[in-house]
Amino acid sequence: MKPIEPIRFVGRGAPARLFFQNALRDQAVARDDALAYQAAGSEPKRIEWYESDHFLPDEAFQHMVEWLADEIGIDASQFTGP
């Protein structure tokens, strides 16, 4: 998988903005791996951590929708939840 690992490409995102969402108790993605991926990401970026396991809480989905609304102009009022 090494040739196609996302960490090799996330730094090429600029000038696009990136939004990283991670869980503090994630058993699928180690905290150090998440931090390394975030660090490798291009700027500008936003990073949010949630007190959850790998399955992020509804709050994370709301943050994602709000971020997308700002970035690409979607109508966040139409979002009804995950």
PDB file of N, CA and C in Angstrom:
ATOM      1  N   MET A   1       0.807  -1.195   0.000  1.00  0.00           N
ATOM      2  CA  MET A   1       0.000   0.000   0.000  1.00  0.00           C
ATOM      3  C   MET A   1       0.854   1.264   0.000  1.00  0.00           C
ATOM      4  N   LYS A   2       2.127   1.152   0.328  1.00  0.00           N
ATOM      5  CA  LYS A   2       2.955   2.340   0.488  1.00  0.00           C
ATOM      6  C   LYS A   2       2.898   3.299  -0.709  1.00  0.00           C
ATOM      7  N   PRO A   3       2.909   2.820  -1.942  1.00  0.00           N
ATOM      8  CA  PRO A   3       2.872   3.775  -3.065  1.00  0.00           C
ATOM      9  C   PRO A   3       1.602   4.618  -3.142  1.00  0.00           C
ATOM     10  N   ILE A   4       0.516   4.139  -2.542  1.00  0.00           N
ATOM     11  CA  ILE A   4      -0.737   4.899  -2.638  1.00  0.00           C
ATOM     12  C   ILE A   4      -1.228   5.412  -1.285  1.00  0.00           C
ATOM     13  N   GLU A   5      -0.384   5.377  -0.268  1.00  0.00           N
ATOM     14  CA  GLU A   5      -0.768   5.878   1.048  1.00  0.00           C
ATOM     15  C   GLU A   5      -1.137   7.355   0.959  1.00  0.00           C
ATOM     16  N   PRO A   6      -2.275   7.739   1.529  1.00  0.00           N
ATOM     17  CA  PRO A   6      -2.717   9.134   1.474  1.00  0.00           C
ATOM     18  C   PRO A   6      -1.714  10.126   2.041  1.00  0.00           C
ATOM     19  N   ILE A   7      -0.910   9.714   3.021  1.00  0.00           N
ATOM     20  CA  ILE A   7       0.042  10.649   3.621  1.00  0.00           C
ATOM     21  C   ILE A   7       1.069  11.150   2.593  1.00  0.00           C
ATOM     22  N   ARG A   8       1.277  10.367   1.531  1.00  0.00           N
ATOM     23  CA  ARG A   8       2.214  10.778   0.485  1.00  0.00           C
ATOM     24  C   ARG A   8       1.646  11.897  -0.386  1.00  0.00           C
ATOM     25  N   PHE A   9       0.347  12.100  -0.370  1.00  0.00           N
ATOM     26  CA  PHE A   9      -0.288  13.039  -1.287  1.00  0.00           C
ATOM     27  C   PHE A   9      -0.993  14.209  -0.620  1.00  0.00           C
ATOM     28  N   VAL A  10      -1.294  14.102   0.667  1.00  0.00           N
ATOM     29  CA  VAL A  10      -2.088  15.129   1.340  1.00  0.00           C
ATOM     30  C   VAL A  10      -1.396  16.493   1.331  1.00  0.00           C
ATOM     31  N   GLY A  11      -0.109  16.521   1.255  1.00  0.00           N
ATOM     32  CA  GLY A  11       0.623  17.780   1.211  1.00  0.00           C
ATOM     33  C   GLY A  11       0.495  18.516  -0.105  1.00  0.00           C
ATOM     34  N   ARG A  12      -0.057  17.860  -1.106  1.00  0.00           N
ATOM     35  CA  ARG A  12      -0.218  18.469  -2.429  1.00  0.00           C
ATOM     36  C   ARG A  12      -1.571  19.151  -2.601  1.00  0.00           C
ATOM     37  N   GLY A  13      -2.311  19.291  -1.529  1.00  0.00           N
ATOM     38  CA  GLY A  13      -3.663  19.827  -1.600  1.00  0.00           C
ATOM     39  C   GLY A  13      -3.748  21.319  -1.854  1.00  0.00           C
ATOM     40  N   ALA A  14      -2.710  22.051  -1.507  1.00  0.00           N
ATOM     41  CA  ALA A  14      -2.751  23.513  -1.645  1.00  0.00           C
ATOM     42  C   ALA A  14      -3.024  23.905  -3.085  1.00  0.00           C
ATOM     43  N   PRO A  15      -3.827  24.916  -3.313  1.00  0.00           N
ATOM     44  CA  PRO A  15      -4.327  25.884  -2.351  1.00  0.00           C
ATOM     45  C   PRO A  15      -5.680  25.508  -1.737  1.00  0.00           C
ATOM     46  N   ALA A  16      -6.148  24.303  -1.975  1.00  0.00           N
ATOM     47  CA  ALA A  16      -7.423  23.878  -1.380  1.00  0.00           C
ATOM     48  C   ALA A  16      -7.301  23.819   0.134  1.00  0.00           C
ATOM     49  N   ARG A  17      -8.378  24.165   0.814  1.00  0.00           N
ATOM     50  CA  ARG A  17      -8.410  24.062   2.274  1.00  0.00           C
ATOM     51  C   ARG A  17      -8.735  22.626   2.656  1.00  0.00           C
ATOM     52  N   LEU A  18      -8.169  22.178   3.767  1.00  0.00           N
ATOM     53  CA  LEU A  18      -8.384  20.821   4.252  1.00  0.00           C
ATOM     54  C   LEU A  18      -9.052  20.864   5.620  1.00  0.00           C
ATOM     55  N   PHE A  19      -9.869  19.862   5.898  1.00  0.00           N
ATOM     56  CA  PHE A  19     -10.537  19.744   7.198  1.00  0.00           C
ATOM     57  C   PHE A  19     -10.313  18.332   7.697  1.00  0.00           C
ATOM     58  N   PHE A  20      -9.547  18.208   8.773  1.00  0.00           N
ATOM     59  CA  PHE A  20      -9.259  16.921   9.387  1.00  0.00           C
ATOM     60  C   PHE A  20     -10.142  16.739  10.610  1.00  0.00           C
ATOM     61  N   GLN A  21     -10.815  15.614  10.680  1.00  0.00           N
ATOM     62  CA  GLN A  21     -11.645  15.279  11.827  1.00  0.00           C
ATOM     63  C   GLN A  21     -11.177  13.932  12.366  1.00  0.00           C
ATOM     64  N   ASN A  22     -10.850  13.910  13.648  1.00  0.00           N
ATOM     65  CA  ASN A  22     -10.336  12.693  14.261  1.00  0.00           C
ATOM     66  C   ASN A  22     -10.977  12.452  15.613  1.00  0.00           C
ATOM     67  N   ALA A  23     -10.927  11.206  16.036  1.00  0.00           N
ATOM     68  CA  ALA A  23     -11.495  10.792  17.322  1.00  0.00           C
ATOM     69  C   ALA A  23     -10.376  10.497  18.312  1.00  0.00           C
ATOM     70  N   LEU A  24     -10.580  10.927  19.532  1.00  0.00           N
ATOM     71  CA  LEU A  24      -9.567  10.729  20.573  1.00  0.00           C
ATOM     72  C   LEU A  24      -9.429   9.272  21.005  1.00  0.00           C
ATOM     73  N   ARG A  25     -10.488   8.481  20.828  1.00  0.00           N
ATOM     74  CA  ARG A  25     -10.447   7.068  21.231  1.00  0.00           C
ATOM     75  C   ARG A  25     -10.546   6.136  20.021  1.00  0.00           C
ATOM     76  N   ASP A  26     -10.031   6.578  18.918  1.00  0.00           N
ATOM     77  CA  ASP A  26     -10.107   5.802  17.678  1.00  0.00           C
ATOM     78  C   ASP A  26      -9.231   4.564  17.793  1.00  0.00           C
ATOM     79  N   GLN A  27      -9.811   3.388  17.548  1.00  0.00           N
ATOM     80  CA  GLN A  27      -9.043   2.148  17.594  1.00  0.00           C
ATOM     81  C   GLN A  27      -8.558   1.735  16.205  1.00  0.00           C
ATOM     82  N   ALA A  28      -9.041   2.423  15.171  1.00  0.00           N
ATOM     83  CA  ALA A  28      -8.631   2.104  13.804  1.00  0.00           C
ATOM     84  C   ALA A  28      -7.491   2.994  13.319  1.00  0.00           C
ATOM     85  N   VAL A  29      -7.444   4.224  13.823  1.00  0.00           N
ATOM     86  CA  VAL A  29      -6.401   5.169  13.421  1.00  0.00           C
ATOM     87  C   VAL A  29      -5.678   5.636  14.679  1.00  0.00           C
ATOM     88  N   ALA A  30      -4.429   5.270  14.800  1.00  0.00           N
ATOM     89  CA  ALA A  30      -3.641   5.654  15.968  1.00  0.00           C
ATOM     90  C   ALA A  30      -3.460   7.174  16.004  1.00  0.00           C
ATOM     91  N   ARG A  31      -3.463   7.725  17.208  1.00  0.00           N
ATOM     92  CA  ARG A  31      -3.317   9.178  17.378  1.00  0.00           C
ATOM     93  C   ARG A  31      -2.057   9.703  16.673  1.00  0.00           C
ATOM     94  N   ASP A  32      -0.938   9.011  16.834  1.00  0.00           N
ATOM     95  CA  ASP A  32       0.304   9.458  16.188  1.00  0.00           C
ATOM     96  C   ASP A  32       0.180   9.460  14.670  1.00  0.00           C
ATOM     97  N   ASP A  33      -0.540   8.481  14.121  1.00  0.00           N
ATOM     98  CA  ASP A  33      -0.755   8.442  12.669  1.00  0.00           C
ATOM     99  C   ASP A  33      -1.626   9.610  12.221  1.00  0.00           C
ATOM    100  N   ALA A  34      -2.662   9.907  12.993  1.00  0.00           N
ATOM    101  CA  ALA A  34      -3.535  11.040  12.667  1.00  0.00           C
ATOM    102  C   ALA A  34      -2.753  12.349  12.721  1.00  0.00           C
ATOM    103  N   LEU A  35      -1.933  12.502  13.748  1.00  0.00           N
ATOM    104  CA  LEU A  35      -1.123  13.713  13.882  1.00  0.00           C
ATOM    105  C   LEU A  35      -0.132  13.860  12.730  1.00  0.00           C
ATOM    106  N   ALA A  36       0.479  12.752  12.326  1.00  0.00           N
ATOM    107  CA  ALA A  36       1.425  12.788  11.206  1.00  0.00           C
ATOM    108  C   ALA A  36       0.711  13.161   9.908  1.00  0.00           C
ATOM    109  N   TYR A  37      -0.477  12.621   9.711  1.00  0.00           N
ATOM    110  CA  TYR A  37      -1.266  12.927   8.512  1.00  0.00           C
ATOM    111  C   TYR A  37      -1.655  14.400   8.498  1.00  0.00           C
ATOM    112  N   GLN A  38      -2.100  14.910   9.640  1.00  0.00           N
ATOM    113  CA  GLN A  38      -2.455  16.319   9.732  1.00  0.00           C
ATOM    114  C   GLN A  38      -1.241  17.203   9.444  1.00  0.00           C
ATOM    115  N   ALA A  39      -0.111  16.859  10.026  1.00  0.00           N
ATOM    116  CA  ALA A  39       1.107  17.644   9.830  1.00  0.00           C
ATOM    117  C   ALA A  39       1.543  17.645   8.374  1.00  0.00           C
ATOM    118  N   ALA A  40       1.333  16.532   7.686  1.00  0.00           N
ATOM    119  CA  ALA A  40       1.715  16.422   6.279  1.00  0.00           C
ATOM    120  C   ALA A  40       0.774  17.196   5.362  1.00  0.00           C
ATOM    121  N   GLY A  41      -0.418  17.502   5.856  1.00  0.00           N
ATOM    122  CA  GLY A  41      -1.403  18.212   5.043  1.00  0.00           C
ATOM    123  C   GLY A  41      -0.970  19.631   4.738  1.00  0.00           C
ATOM    124  N   SER A  42      -1.349  20.069   3.566  1.00  0.00           N
ATOM    125  CA  SER A  42      -1.019  21.428   3.150  1.00  0.00           C
ATOM    126  C   SER A  42      -1.862  22.442   3.913  1.00  0.00           C
ATOM    127  N   GLU A  43      -1.460  23.676   3.832  1.00  0.00           N
ATOM    128  CA  GLU A  43      -2.222  24.780   4.418  1.00  0.00           C
ATOM    129  C   GLU A  43      -3.076  25.407   3.325  1.00  0.00           C
ATOM    130  N   PRO A  44      -4.161  25.993   3.677  1.00  0.00           N
ATOM    131  CA  PRO A  44      -4.729  26.126   5.017  1.00  0.00           C
ATOM    132  C   PRO A  44      -5.476  24.864   5.421  1.00  0.00           C
ATOM    133  N   LYS A  45      -5.531  24.618   6.723  1.00  0.00           N
ATOM    134  CA  LYS A  45      -6.221  23.439   7.224  1.00  0.00           C
ATOM    135  C   LYS A  45      -6.887  23.733   8.555  1.00  0.00           C
ATOM    136  N   ARG A  46      -7.920  22.976   8.798  1.00  0.00           N
ATOM    137  CA  ARG A  46      -8.632  23.028  10.075  1.00  0.00           C
ATOM    138  C   ARG A  46      -8.573  21.631  10.660  1.00  0.00           C
ATOM    139  N   ILE A  47      -8.381  21.543  11.955  1.00  0.00           N
ATOM    140  CA  ILE A  47      -8.269  20.248  12.637  1.00  0.00           C
ATOM    141  C   ILE A  47      -9.225  20.227  13.824  1.00  0.00           C
ATOM    142  N   GLU A  48     -10.032  19.184  13.896  1.00  0.00           N
ATOM    143  CA  GLU A  48     -10.954  18.993  15.022  1.00  0.00           C
ATOM    144  C   GLU A  48     -10.761  17.589  15.584  1.00  0.00           C
ATOM    145  N   TRP A  49     -10.761  17.514  16.893  1.00  0.00           N
ATOM    146  CA  TRP A  49     -10.711  16.238  17.601  1.00  0.00           C
ATOM    147  C   TRP A  49     -12.005  16.078  18.381  1.00  0.00           C
ATOM    148  N   TYR A  50     -12.520  14.846  18.411  1.00  0.00           N
ATOM    149  CA  TYR A  50     -13.790  14.567  19.084  1.00  0.00           C
ATOM    150  C   TYR A  50     -13.596  13.489  20.135  1.00  0.00           C
ATOM    151  N   GLU A  51     -14.318  13.622  21.216  1.00  0.00           N
ATOM    152  CA  GLU A  51     -14.295  12.634  22.291  1.00  0.00           C
ATOM    153  C   GLU A  51     -15.196  11.471  21.867  1.00  0.00           C
ATOM    154  N   SER A  52     -14.644  10.614  21.012  1.00  0.00           N
ATOM    155  CA  SER A  52     -15.422   9.486  20.489  1.00  0.00           C
ATOM    156  C   SER A  52     -14.479   8.394  20.014  1.00  0.00           C
ATOM    157  N   ASP A  53     -15.093   7.313  19.526  1.00  0.00           N
ATOM    158  CA  ASP A  53     -14.317   6.254  18.898  1.00  0.00           C
ATOM    159  C   ASP A  53     -14.231   6.558  17.401  1.00  0.00           C
ATOM    160  N   HIS A  54     -13.943   5.556  16.598  1.00  0.00           N
ATOM    161  CA  HIS A  54     -13.764   5.770  15.157  1.00  0.00           C
ATOM    162  C   HIS A  54     -15.009   6.362  14.494  1.00  0.00           C
ATOM    163  N   PHE A  55     -16.165   6.065  15.046  1.00  0.00           N
ATOM    164  CA  PHE A  55     -17.412   6.586  14.496  1.00  0.00           C
ATOM    165  C   PHE A  55     -17.694   7.929  15.143  1.00  0.00           C
ATOM    166  N   LEU A  56     -17.500   8.982  14.381  1.00  0.00           N
ATOM    167  CA  LEU A  56     -17.597  10.337  14.915  1.00  0.00           C
ATOM    168  C   LEU A  56     -19.022  10.681  15.323  1.00  0.00           C
ATOM    169  N   PRO A  57     -19.165  11.569  16.304  1.00  0.00           N
ATOM    170  CA  PRO A  57     -20.497  11.953  16.775  1.00  0.00           C
ATOM    171  C   PRO A  57     -21.204  12.854  15.764  1.00  0.00           C
ATOM    172  N   ASP A  58     -22.499  13.021  15.959  1.00  0.00           N
ATOM    173  CA  ASP A  58     -23.292  13.882  15.077  1.00  0.00           C
ATOM    174  C   ASP A  58     -22.704  15.289  14.986  1.00  0.00           C
ATOM    175  N   GLU A  59     -22.144  15.759  16.076  1.00  0.00           N
ATOM    176  CA  GLU A  59     -21.511  17.079  16.110  1.00  0.00           C
ATOM    177  C   GLU A  59     -20.454  17.217  15.000  1.00  0.00           C
ATOM    178  N   ALA A  60     -19.710  16.147  14.744  1.00  0.00           N
ATOM    179  CA  ALA A  60     -18.682  16.177  13.705  1.00  0.00           C
ATOM    180  C   ALA A  60     -19.307  16.366  12.329  1.00  0.00           C
ATOM    181  N   PHE A  61     -20.430  15.725  12.096  1.00  0.00           N
ATOM    182  CA  PHE A  61     -21.103  15.880  10.809  1.00  0.00           C
ATOM    183  C   PHE A  61     -21.614  17.307  10.643  1.00  0.00           C
ATOM    184  N   GLN A  62     -22.093  17.886  11.719  1.00  0.00           N
ATOM    185  CA  GLN A  62     -22.552  19.272  11.653  1.00  0.00           C
ATOM    186  C   GLN A  62     -21.379  20.207  11.344  1.00  0.00           C
ATOM    187  N   HIS A  63     -20.233  19.955  11.970  1.00  0.00           N
ATOM    188  CA  HIS A  63     -19.043  20.756  11.689  1.00  0.00           C
ATOM    189  C   HIS A  63     -18.629  20.621  10.231  1.00  0.00           C
ATOM    190  N   MET A  64     -18.724  19.400   9.705  1.00  0.00           N
ATOM    191  CA  MET A  64     -18.371  19.161   8.308  1.00  0.00           C
ATOM    192  C   MET A  64     -19.287  19.948   7.374  1.00  0.00           C
ATOM    193  N   VAL A  65     -20.578  19.910   7.646  1.00  0.00           N
ATOM    194  CA  VAL A  65     -21.543  20.623   6.807  1.00  0.00           C
ATOM    195  C   VAL A  65     -21.302  22.131   6.875  1.00  0.00           C
ATOM    196  N   GLU A  66     -21.063  22.644   8.071  1.00  0.00           N
ATOM    197  CA  GLU A  66     -20.797  24.072   8.214  1.00  0.00           C
ATOM    198  C   GLU A  66     -19.531  24.465   7.462  1.00  0.00           C
ATOM    199  N   TRP A  67     -18.510  23.621   7.549  1.00  0.00           N
ATOM    200  CA  TRP A  67     -17.255  23.885   6.838  1.00  0.00           C
ATOM    201  C   TRP A  67     -17.487  23.870   5.327  1.00  0.00           C
ATOM    202  N   LEU A  68     -18.220  22.869   4.841  1.00  0.00           N
ATOM    203  CA  LEU A  68     -18.516  22.800   3.410  1.00  0.00           C
ATOM    204  C   LEU A  68     -19.358  23.991   2.956  1.00  0.00           C
ATOM    205  N   ALA A  69     -20.268  24.423   3.801  1.00  0.00           N
ATOM    206  CA  ALA A  69     -21.085  25.585   3.458  1.00  0.00           C
ATOM    207  C   ALA A  69     -20.202  26.800   3.235  1.00  0.00           C
ATOM    208  N   ASP A  70     -19.216  26.985   4.093  1.00  0.00           N
ATOM    209  CA  ASP A  70     -18.290  28.109   3.942  1.00  0.00           C
ATOM    210  C   ASP A  70     -17.392  27.943   2.723  1.00  0.00           C
ATOM    211  N   GLU A  71     -16.957  26.717   2.476  1.00  0.00           N
ATOM    212  CA  GLU A  71     -15.986  26.470   1.410  1.00  0.00           C
ATOM    213  C   GLU A  71     -16.591  26.440   0.008  1.00  0.00           C
ATOM    214  N   ILE A  72     -17.734  25.766  -0.130  1.00  0.00           N
ATOM    215  CA  ILE A  72     -18.277  25.588  -1.480  1.00  0.00           C
ATOM    216  C   ILE A  72     -19.701  26.098  -1.631  1.00  0.00           C
ATOM    217  N   GLY A  73     -20.212  26.704  -0.574  1.00  0.00           N
ATOM    218  CA  GLY A  73     -21.494  27.373  -0.685  1.00  0.00           C
ATOM    219  C   GLY A  73     -22.724  26.490  -0.655  1.00  0.00           C
ATOM    220  N   ILE A  74     -22.621  25.299  -0.054  1.00  0.00           N
ATOM    221  CA  ILE A  74     -23.830  24.485   0.050  1.00  0.00           C
ATOM    222  C   ILE A  74     -24.777  25.111   1.060  1.00  0.00           C
ATOM    223  N   ASP A  75     -26.032  24.764   0.974  1.00  0.00           N
ATOM    224  CA  ASP A  75     -27.046  25.267   1.892  1.00  0.00           C
ATOM    225  C   ASP A  75     -27.082  24.362   3.118  1.00  0.00           C
ATOM    226  N   ALA A  76     -26.432  24.774   4.188  1.00  0.00           N
ATOM    227  CA  ALA A  76     -26.347  23.960   5.399  1.00  0.00           C
ATOM    228  C   ALA A  76     -27.699  23.784   6.075  1.00  0.00           C
ATOM    229  N   SER A  77     -28.652  24.631   5.773  1.00  0.00           N
ATOM    230  CA  SER A  77     -29.967  24.508   6.411  1.00  0.00           C
ATOM    231  C   SER A  77     -30.692  23.256   5.939  1.00  0.00           C
ATOM    232  N   GLN A  78     -30.279  22.684   4.834  1.00  0.00           N
ATOM    233  CA  GLN A  78     -30.916  21.482   4.300  1.00  0.00           C
ATOM    234  C   GLN A  78     -30.381  20.204   4.947  1.00  0.00           C
ATOM    235  N   PHE A  79     -29.330  20.323   5.730  1.00  0.00           N
ATOM    236  CA  PHE A  79     -28.724  19.168   6.386  1.00  0.00           C
ATOM    237  C   PHE A  79     -29.595  18.704   7.549  1.00  0.00           C
ATOM    238  N   THR A  80     -29.902  17.433   7.578  1.00  0.00           N
ATOM    239  CA  THR A  80     -30.773  16.903   8.629  1.00  0.00           C
ATOM    240  C   THR A  80     -30.051  15.906   9.545  1.00  0.00           C
ATOM    241  N   GLY A  81     -28.789  15.690   9.336  1.00  0.00           N
ATOM    242  CA  GLY A  81     -28.036  14.777  10.197  1.00  0.00           C
ATOM    243  C   GLY A  81     -27.465  13.610   9.409  1.00  0.00           C
ATOM    244  N   PRO A  82     -26.599  12.861  10.054  1.00  0.00           N
ATOM    245  CA  PRO A  82     -25.929  11.740   9.360  1.00  0.00           C
ATOM    246  C   PRO A  82     -26.888  10.622   9.021  1.00  0.00           C
TER     247      PRO A  82
END
